[in-house]
Structures are given as structure tokens and as C-alpha cells.
């Protein structure tokens, strides 16, 4: 019975360690997601600021050789 109890304790310890590692992985991934979302927001702002005020289309910009 002692052997079975020791085996269960080892499995529990391993499971707790695995759970802690998974929690840390999820935490780091969420931090990365948050940073990427902020970067996308900033890029959208930069794109909007650099866009021309008038709505020109690419068809209006004929290359010089035409």
C-alpha cells in the first residue's frame, strides 16, 4: 500500500508541476497577444494618419509611359 501511495503522490506532484508550467505558458502568451494588439492599433493609427485626405483610386494614377 505504501508503494501505491508513493506512486500517487509522485503522479500528483508531476501533474501539479505540469499545470504550473501550462499556466506560465498561457500567461506569457497572453502578454504577447496584448503587445501584438497594441502594435496593431498603433499601426492602424499610423496608416490612417499617412493616408491621403482625398479618396484617390489607383486607376487615376496612370504610369508616365501611357
Protein backbone atom coordinates (compact mmCIF):
# COMPACT_ATOMS: atom_id res chain seq x y z
CA UNK A 1 0.00 0.00 0.00
CA UNK A 2 2.91 2.36 0.69
CA UNK A 3 4.21 1.87 -2.82
CA UNK A 4 0.81 2.74 -4.30
CA UNK A 5 0.58 5.83 -2.11
CA UNK A 6 4.08 6.95 -3.12
CA UNK A 7 3.22 6.41 -6.79
CA UNK A 8 0.06 8.50 -6.45
CA UNK A 9 1.99 11.25 -4.69
CA UNK A 10 4.59 11.28 -7.47
CA UNK A 11 1.86 11.46 -10.13
CA UNK A 12 0.15 14.28 -8.26
CA UNK A 13 3.42 16.16 -7.96
CA UNK A 14 4.08 15.72 -11.68
CA UNK A 15 0.54 16.85 -12.53
CA UNK A 16 0.89 19.97 -10.36
CA UNK A 17 4.22 20.82 -11.99
CA UNK A 18 2.75 20.35 -15.46
CA UNK A 19 -0.22 22.52 -14.57
CA UNK A 20 2.06 25.29 -13.30
CA UNK A 21 4.12 25.16 -16.50
CA UNK A 22 0.97 25.36 -18.60
CA UNK A 23 -0.28 28.31 -16.59
CA UNK A 24 3.01 30.16 -17.11
CA UNK A 25 2.88 29.41 -20.84
CA UNK A 26 -0.65 30.77 -21.09
CA UNK A 27 0.34 33.86 -19.09
CA UNK A 28 3.29 34.59 -21.41
CA UNK A 29 1.16 34.01 -24.49
CA UNK A 30 -1.49 36.42 -23.21
CA UNK A 31 1.19 39.06 -22.64
CA UNK A 32 2.39 38.58 -26.22
CA UNK A 33 -1.18 38.80 -27.53
CA UNK A 34 -1.72 42.05 -25.61
CA UNK A 35 1.51 43.52 -27.02
CA UNK A 36 0.58 42.48 -30.56
CA UNK A 37 -2.87 44.02 -30.22
CA UNK A 38 -1.33 47.31 -29.12
CA UNK A 39 1.09 47.15 -32.06
CA UNK A 40 -1.79 46.57 -34.50
CA UNK A 41 -3.71 49.52 -33.05
CA UNK A 42 -0.63 51.73 -33.40
CA UNK A 43 -0.05 50.59 -36.98
CA UNK A 44 -3.68 51.31 -37.85
CA UNK A 45 -3.31 54.81 -36.43
CA UNK A 46 -0.14 55.36 -38.44
CA UNK A 47 -1.80 54.08 -41.59
CA UNK A 48 -4.81 56.33 -41.10
CA UNK A 49 -2.54 59.32 -40.49
CA UNK A 50 -0.47 58.67 -43.60
CA UNK A 51 -3.44 58.03 -45.90
CA UNK A 52 -4.20 60.85 -48.34
CA UNK A 53 -7.08 63.08 -47.37
CA UNK A 54 -8.79 62.83 -50.76
CA UNK A 55 -10.04 59.45 -51.94
CA UNK A 56 -7.87 58.78 -54.99
CA UNK A 57 -8.05 55.47 -56.75
CA UNK A 58 -5.14 53.61 -58.31
CA UNK A 59 -6.82 53.85 -61.71
CA UNK A 60 -6.39 57.63 -61.63
CA UNK A 61 -2.63 57.23 -61.21
CA UNK A 62 -1.62 56.28 -64.76
CA UNK A 63 2.06 55.43 -65.19
CA UNK A 64 4.08 58.01 -67.18
CA UNK A 65 4.57 55.77 -70.22
CA UNK A 66 0.86 55.89 -71.17
